Amino acid sequence: MNIQPIRSTKGLHAAFQRLELVFQADDGTPEADEMEILVTLIEAYEKEHFPIGPADPVKNNHAC
């Protein structure tokens, strides 16, 4: 397991590629631990670089 911080979109893509390989890992395995760490790192990176604000129900209401 070679986990590194995600510092760029290139690193984000690499983390997603590795996540695809370990996503179905059995609980209690090193791969399952790696999967949990990768998910945490990806979520933190996305929260910082691609924030999603609260929804505006008036702006998003397309029914007339």
N, C-alpha and C. Protein backbone atom coordinates (compact mmCIF):
# COMPACT_ATOMS: atom_id res chain seq x y z
N MET A 1 0.86 -1.17 0.00
CA MET A 1 0.00 0.00 0.00
C MET A 1 0.90 1.23 0.00
N ASN A 2 0.72 2.07 -1.00
CA ASN A 2 1.50 3.29 -1.12
C ASN A 2 0.54 4.47 -1.21
N ILE A 3 0.00 4.88 -0.08
CA ILE A 3 -0.97 5.96 -0.03
C ILE A 3 -0.25 7.29 0.06
N GLN A 4 -0.69 8.25 -0.76
CA GLN A 4 -0.11 9.59 -0.74
C GLN A 4 -1.24 10.61 -0.73
N PRO A 5 -0.98 11.81 -0.23
CA PRO A 5 -2.00 12.86 -0.30
C PRO A 5 -2.38 13.15 -1.75
N ILE A 6 -3.60 13.57 -1.96
CA ILE A 6 -4.05 13.97 -3.29
C ILE A 6 -3.85 15.48 -3.38
N ARG A 7 -3.00 15.90 -4.31
CA ARG A 7 -2.67 17.32 -4.43
C ARG A 7 -3.03 17.92 -5.79
N SER A 8 -3.56 17.10 -6.69
CA SER A 8 -3.88 17.60 -8.03
C SER A 8 -4.95 16.71 -8.64
N THR A 9 -5.50 17.17 -9.78
CA THR A 9 -6.49 16.33 -10.46
C THR A 9 -5.84 15.06 -11.00
N LYS A 10 -4.57 15.13 -11.33
CA LYS A 10 -3.84 13.92 -11.76
C LYS A 10 -3.79 12.92 -10.60
N GLY A 11 -3.51 13.40 -9.41
CA GLY A 11 -3.51 12.54 -8.23
C GLY A 11 -4.89 12.00 -7.92
N LEU A 12 -5.91 12.82 -8.15
CA LEU A 12 -7.29 12.39 -7.94
C LEU A 12 -7.64 11.24 -8.88
N HIS A 13 -7.27 11.38 -10.15
CA HIS A 13 -7.55 10.32 -11.12
C HIS A 13 -6.80 9.03 -10.76
N ALA A 14 -5.57 9.17 -10.30
CA ALA A 14 -4.80 7.99 -9.89
C ALA A 14 -5.47 7.31 -8.69
N ALA A 15 -5.97 8.10 -7.75
CA ALA A 15 -6.65 7.53 -6.59
C ALA A 15 -7.92 6.79 -7.01
N PHE A 16 -8.67 7.36 -7.96
CA PHE A 16 -9.87 6.69 -8.46
C PHE A 16 -9.51 5.38 -9.17
N GLN A 17 -8.44 5.39 -9.94
CA GLN A 17 -8.03 4.15 -10.63
C GLN A 17 -7.66 3.06 -9.62
N ARG A 18 -6.94 3.44 -8.58
CA ARG A 18 -6.57 2.45 -7.56
C ARG A 18 -7.82 2.00 -6.80
N LEU A 19 -8.73 2.92 -6.53
CA LEU A 19 -9.96 2.59 -5.82
C LEU A 19 -10.76 1.54 -6.58
N GLU A 20 -10.80 1.66 -7.90
CA GLU A 20 -11.51 0.67 -8.71
C GLU A 20 -10.96 -0.73 -8.49
N LEU A 21 -9.66 -0.85 -8.26
CA LEU A 21 -9.04 -2.16 -8.07
C LEU A 21 -9.30 -2.76 -6.69
N VAL A 22 -9.50 -1.93 -5.69
CA VAL A 22 -9.66 -2.44 -4.32
C VAL A 22 -11.07 -2.26 -3.77
N PHE A 23 -11.99 -1.75 -4.59
CA PHE A 23 -13.33 -1.41 -4.12
C PHE A 23 -14.10 -2.60 -3.57
N GLN A 24 -13.96 -3.76 -4.13
CA GLN A 24 -14.71 -4.95 -3.71
C GLN A 24 -13.93 -5.80 -2.70
N ALA A 25 -12.94 -5.23 -2.05
CA ALA A 25 -12.10 -5.98 -1.12
C ALA A 25 -12.91 -6.51 0.06
N ASP A 26 -12.53 -7.68 0.53
CA ASP A 26 -13.18 -8.29 1.70
C ASP A 26 -12.79 -7.54 2.96
N ASP A 27 -13.74 -7.40 3.89
CA ASP A 27 -13.48 -6.74 5.16
C ASP A 27 -12.30 -7.40 5.87
N GLY A 28 -11.51 -6.57 6.53
CA GLY A 28 -10.40 -7.07 7.30
C GLY A 28 -9.12 -7.31 6.52
N THR A 29 -9.15 -7.04 5.23
CA THR A 29 -7.95 -7.22 4.40
C THR A 29 -7.22 -5.89 4.26
N PRO A 30 -5.93 -5.94 3.93
CA PRO A 30 -5.20 -4.69 3.68
C PRO A 30 -5.83 -3.87 2.55
N GLU A 31 -6.41 -4.54 1.57
CA GLU A 31 -7.06 -3.83 0.45
C GLU A 31 -8.29 -3.08 0.93
N ALA A 32 -9.03 -3.66 1.87
CA ALA A 32 -10.21 -2.98 2.42
C ALA A 32 -9.78 -1.73 3.19
N ASP A 33 -8.68 -1.84 3.94
CA ASP A 33 -8.15 -0.68 4.64
C ASP A 33 -7.73 0.40 3.64
N GLU A 34 -7.08 -0.02 2.57
CA GLU A 34 -6.66 0.92 1.53
C GLU A 34 -7.86 1.60 0.90
N MET A 35 -8.91 0.85 0.66
CA MET A 35 -10.13 1.40 0.07
C MET A 35 -10.71 2.48 0.98
N GLU A 36 -10.79 2.24 2.27
CA GLU A 36 -11.32 3.23 3.20
C GLU A 36 -10.48 4.50 3.21
N ILE A 37 -9.18 4.35 3.18
CA ILE A 37 -8.28 5.50 3.17
C ILE A 37 -8.44 6.29 1.88
N LEU A 38 -8.50 5.59 0.75
CA LEU A 38 -8.66 6.27 -0.53
C LEU A 38 -9.97 7.05 -0.59
N VAL A 39 -11.06 6.45 -0.10
CA VAL A 39 -12.35 7.13 -0.10
C VAL A 39 -12.27 8.41 0.73
N THR A 40 -11.63 8.32 1.89
CA THR A 40 -11.49 9.49 2.75
C THR A 40 -10.68 10.59 2.07
N LEU A 41 -9.57 10.22 1.44
CA LEU A 41 -8.74 11.20 0.74
C LEU A 41 -9.48 11.83 -0.44
N ILE A 42 -10.19 11.02 -1.21
CA ILE A 42 -10.95 11.53 -2.36
C ILE A 42 -12.03 12.48 -1.89
N GLU A 43 -12.78 12.11 -0.86
CA GLU A 43 -13.83 12.99 -0.35
C GLU A 43 -13.26 14.32 0.14
N ALA A 44 -12.14 14.28 0.83
CA ALA A 44 -11.52 15.51 1.34
C ALA A 44 -11.08 16.40 0.18
N TYR A 45 -10.45 15.82 -0.83
CA TYR A 45 -10.00 16.60 -1.99
C TYR A 45 -11.19 17.23 -2.71
N GLU A 46 -12.23 16.43 -2.95
CA GLU A 46 -13.40 16.95 -3.65
C GLU A 46 -14.11 18.03 -2.86
N LYS A 47 -14.19 17.86 -1.55
CA LYS A 47 -14.85 18.87 -0.71
C LYS A 47 -14.12 20.21 -0.79
N GLU A 48 -12.78 20.16 -0.84
CA GLU A 48 -11.98 21.38 -0.90
C GLU A 48 -11.99 22.01 -2.29
N HIS A 49 -11.89 21.19 -3.33
CA HIS A 49 -11.71 21.72 -4.69
C HIS A 49 -12.98 21.79 -5.52
N PHE A 50 -14.00 21.04 -5.15
CA PHE A 50 -15.27 21.04 -5.88
C PHE A 50 -16.44 21.14 -4.91
N PRO A 51 -16.49 22.22 -4.12
CA PRO A 51 -17.55 22.33 -3.10
C PRO A 51 -18.94 22.42 -3.74
N ILE A 52 -19.87 21.84 -3.05
CA ILE A 52 -21.28 21.90 -3.47
C ILE A 52 -22.03 22.65 -2.38
N GLY A 53 -22.54 23.81 -2.73
CA GLY A 53 -23.27 24.62 -1.77
C GLY A 53 -24.69 24.11 -1.60
N PRO A 54 -25.41 24.71 -0.70
CA PRO A 54 -26.80 24.30 -0.49
C PRO A 54 -27.65 24.59 -1.74
N ALA A 55 -28.62 23.76 -1.95
CA ALA A 55 -29.51 23.91 -3.10
C ALA A 55 -30.42 25.12 -2.91
N ASP A 56 -30.76 25.77 -4.00
CA ASP A 56 -31.71 26.88 -3.98
C ASP A 56 -33.01 26.37 -4.57
N PRO A 57 -34.00 26.06 -3.73
CA PRO A 57 -35.24 25.47 -4.24
C PRO A 57 -35.99 26.36 -5.22
N VAL A 58 -35.86 27.66 -5.12
CA VAL A 58 -36.54 28.56 -6.06
C VAL A 58 -35.83 28.52 -7.41
N LYS A 59 -34.52 28.57 -7.41
CA LYS A 59 -33.74 28.58 -8.64
C LYS A 59 -33.88 27.25 -9.39
N ASN A 60 -33.98 26.16 -8.66
CA ASN A 60 -34.03 24.84 -9.27
C ASN A 60 -35.44 24.34 -9.56
N ASN A 61 -36.43 25.15 -9.32
CA ASN A 61 -37.81 24.74 -9.56
C ASN A 61 -38.18 25.06 -11.01
N HIS A 62 -38.27 24.00 -11.84
CA HIS A 62 -38.57 24.20 -13.26
C HIS A 62 -40.05 24.05 -13.57
N ALA A 63 -40.86 23.68 -12.61
CA ALA A 63 -42.29 23.52 -12.84
C ALA A 63 -42.94 24.91 -12.90
N CYS A 64 -43.80 25.10 -13.87
CA CYS A 64 -44.49 26.39 -13.99
C CYS A 64 -45.97 26.20 -13.91
